[in-house]
C-alpha atoms as a PDB file:
ATOM      1  CA  MET A   1      -4.602   2.189 -39.228  1.00  0.00           C
ATOM      2  CA  ASN A   2      -1.740   0.873 -37.072  1.00  0.00           C
ATOM      3  CA  PHE A   3      -1.538   1.428 -33.316  1.00  0.00           C
ATOM      4  CA  ALA A   4       1.650   0.924 -31.343  1.00  0.00           C
ATOM      5  CA  LEU A   5       1.012  -0.514 -27.897  1.00  0.00           C
ATOM      6  CA  PRO A   6       3.303   0.022 -24.926  1.00  0.00           C
ATOM      7  CA  ALA A   7       5.469  -2.951 -24.023  1.00  0.00           C
ATOM      8  CA  ARG A   8       3.788  -3.417 -20.651  1.00  0.00           C
ATOM      9  CA  VAL A   9       0.113  -3.236 -21.517  1.00  0.00           C
ATOM     10  CA  GLY A  10      -1.941  -4.027 -18.454  1.00  0.00           C
ATOM     11  CA  ALA A  11       1.052  -4.023 -16.127  1.00  0.00           C
ATOM     12  CA  GLU A  12       0.233  -1.929 -13.117  1.00  0.00           C
ATOM     13  CA  GLU A  13       2.877   0.023 -11.274  1.00  0.00           C
ATOM     14  CA  ARG A  14       3.323  -1.221  -7.710  1.00  0.00           C
ATOM     15  CA  GLU A  15       3.805   0.900  -4.616  1.00  0.00           C
ATOM     16  CA  ARG A  16       6.191  -0.057  -1.842  1.00  0.00           C
ATOM     17  CA  ILE A  17       4.828  -0.382   1.691  1.00  0.00           C
ATOM     18  CA  PRO A  18       6.683   1.988   4.066  1.00  0.00           C
ATOM     19  CA  SER A  19       8.979   0.177   6.511  1.00  0.00           C
ATOM     20  CA  GLU A  20       6.920   1.582   9.404  1.00  0.00           C
ATOM     21  CA  CYS A  21       3.905  -0.346   8.049  1.00  0.00           C
ATOM     22  CA  ARG A  22       5.615  -3.696   7.502  1.00  0.00           C
ATOM     23  CA  GLU A  23       4.454  -5.182  10.817  1.00  0.00           C
ATOM     24  CA  LEU A  24       0.836  -4.511   9.870  1.00  0.00           C
ATOM     25  CA  ALA A  25       1.430  -5.834   6.353  1.00  0.00           C
ATOM     26  CA  ASP A  26       2.900  -9.031   7.789  1.00  0.00           C
ATOM     27  CA  ARG A  27      -0.107  -9.456  10.097  1.00  0.00           C
ATOM     28  CA  ALA A  28      -2.459  -9.063   7.128  1.00  0.00           C
ATOM     29  CA  GLY A  29      -0.370 -11.299   4.868  1.00  0.00           C
ATOM     30  CA  LEU A  30       0.260  -8.502   2.363  1.00  0.00           C
ATOM     31  CA  PRO A  31       3.274  -8.422   0.032  1.00  0.00           C
ATOM     32  CA  LEU A  32       5.863  -5.635   0.303  1.00  0.00           C
ATOM     33  CA  THR A  33       4.449  -3.906  -2.778  1.00  0.00           C
ATOM     34  CA  LEU A  34       0.828  -3.183  -3.662  1.00  0.00           C
ATOM     35  CA  THR A  35      -1.014  -2.042  -6.744  1.00  0.00           C
ATOM     36  CA  HIS A  36      -2.524   1.420  -6.484  1.00  0.00           C
ATOM     37  CA  ALA A  37      -5.989  -0.049  -5.882  1.00  0.00           C
ATOM     38  CA  GLU A  38      -4.653  -2.345  -3.137  1.00  0.00           C
ATOM     39  CA  ALA A  39      -2.843   0.590  -1.526  1.00  0.00           C
ATOM     40  CA  VAL A  40      -6.034   2.672  -1.500  1.00  0.00           C
ATOM     41  CA  ARG A  41      -7.910  -0.182   0.216  1.00  0.00           C
ATOM     42  CA  ALA A  42      -5.081  -0.670   2.734  1.00  0.00           C
ATOM     43  CA  ILE A  43      -5.087   3.052   3.619  1.00  0.00           C
ATOM     44  CA  ALA A  44      -8.873   2.976   4.078  1.00  0.00           C
ATOM     45  CA  TYR A  45      -8.546  -0.072   6.334  1.00  0.00           C
ATOM     46  CA  LEU A  46      -5.744   1.634   8.291  1.00  0.00           C
ATOM     47  CA  SER A  47      -8.083   4.520   9.067  1.00  0.00           C
ATOM     48  CA  LEU A  48     -10.515   2.054  10.685  1.00  0.00           C
ATOM     49  CA  MET A  49      -7.907   0.301  12.835  1.00  0.00           C
ATOM     50  CA  SER A  50      -7.470   1.021  16.543  1.00  0.00           C
ATOM     51  CA  GLY A  51      -5.115   3.905  17.260  1.00  0.00           C
ATOM     52  CA  ARG A  52      -4.124   2.179  20.517  1.00  0.00           C
ATOM     53  CA  ASP A  53      -1.987  -0.299  18.575  1.00  0.00           C
ATOM     54  CA  PRO A  54       1.618   1.027  18.420  1.00  0.00           C
ATOM     55  CA  ALA A  55       2.119  -0.497  14.941  1.00  0.00           C
ATOM     56  CA  VAL A  56      -0.948   1.391  13.683  1.00  0.00           C
ATOM     57  CA  LYS A  57       0.371   4.646  15.174  1.00  0.00           C
ATOM     58  CA  ARG A  58       3.765   4.175  13.470  1.00  0.00           C
ATOM     59  CA  CYS A  59       2.174   3.370  10.135  1.00  0.00           C
ATOM     60  CA  ARG A  60      -0.240   6.310  10.268  1.00  0.00           C
ATOM     61  CA  ALA A  61       2.623   8.676  11.126  1.00  0.00           C
ATOM     62  CA  ALA A  62       4.614   7.350   8.156  1.00  0.00           C
ATOM     63  CA  MET A  63       1.658   7.807   5.817  1.00  0.00           C
ATOM     64  CA  LEU A  64       1.094  11.396   6.964  1.00  0.00           C
ATOM     65  CA  GLY A  65       4.757  12.200   6.378  1.00  0.00           C
ATOM     66  CA  ARG A  66       4.612  11.201   2.694  1.00  0.00           C
END
Protein backbone atom coordinates (compact mmCIF):
# COMPACT_ATOMS: atom_id res chain seq x y z
CA MET A 1 0.00 0.00 0.00
CA ASN A 2 1.34 3.46 -0.88
CA PHE A 3 0.25 6.64 0.91
CA ALA A 4 0.86 10.09 -0.50
CA LEU A 5 1.66 12.64 2.19
CA PRO A 6 0.98 16.35 1.86
CA ALA A 7 4.04 18.48 1.18
CA ARG A 8 3.75 20.32 4.49
CA VAL A 9 3.22 17.51 6.96
CA GLY A 10 3.24 18.90 10.47
CA ALA A 11 3.28 22.51 9.31
CA GLU A 12 0.66 24.41 11.22
CA GLU A 13 -1.18 27.33 9.70
CA ARG A 14 -0.45 30.57 11.54
CA GLU A 15 -2.94 33.28 12.42
CA ARG A 16 -2.11 36.96 12.20
CA ILE A 17 -2.52 39.11 15.31
CA PRO A 18 -4.95 41.99 14.63
CA SER A 19 -3.25 45.39 14.47
CA GLU A 20 -5.35 46.53 17.45
CA CYS A 21 -3.65 43.81 19.54
CA ARG A 22 -0.06 44.50 18.51
CA GLU A 23 0.73 46.64 21.57
CA LEU A 24 -0.27 43.77 23.85
CA ALA A 25 1.65 41.29 21.70
CA ASP A 26 4.75 43.47 21.93
CA ARG A 27 4.41 43.68 25.72
CA ALA A 28 4.17 39.88 25.93
CA GLY A 29 6.98 39.33 23.43
CA LEU A 30 4.72 37.48 20.99
CA PRO A 31 5.40 37.27 17.25
CA LEU A 32 2.98 38.82 14.74
CA THR A 33 1.57 35.40 13.86
CA LEU A 34 0.51 32.58 16.17
CA THR A 35 -0.38 28.94 15.75
CA HIS A 36 -4.01 28.12 16.43
CA ALA A 37 -3.13 26.73 19.87
CA GLU A 38 -1.12 29.86 20.74
CA ALA A 39 -4.00 32.06 19.58
CA VAL A 40 -6.47 30.16 21.77
CA ARG A 41 -4.19 30.65 24.80
CA ALA A 42 -3.73 34.35 23.98
CA ILE A 43 -7.51 34.89 23.74
CA ALA A 44 -8.01 33.12 27.08
CA TYR A 45 -5.33 35.31 28.66
CA LEU A 46 -6.93 38.42 27.12
CA SER A 47 -10.18 37.59 28.87
CA LEU A 48 -8.35 37.66 32.22
CA MET A 49 -6.61 41.00 31.63
CA SER A 50 -7.83 44.26 33.17
CA GLY A 51 -10.45 46.03 31.08
CA ARG A 52 -9.12 49.36 32.40
CA ASP A 53 -6.11 49.11 30.09
CA PRO A 54 -6.90 50.96 26.82
CA ALA A 55 -4.81 48.46 24.80
CA VAL A 56 -6.87 45.59 26.23
CA LYS A 57 -10.11 47.40 25.33
CA ARG A 58 -8.93 47.95 21.73
CA CYS A 59 -7.85 44.35 21.35
CA ARG A 60 -11.07 42.93 22.81
CA ALA A 61 -13.13 45.14 20.48
CA ALA A 62 -11.11 43.90 17.50
CA MET A 63 -11.59 40.28 18.53
CA LEU A 64 -15.36 40.71 18.90
CA GLY A 65 -15.56 42.27 15.45
CA ARG A 66 -14.04 39.21 13.74
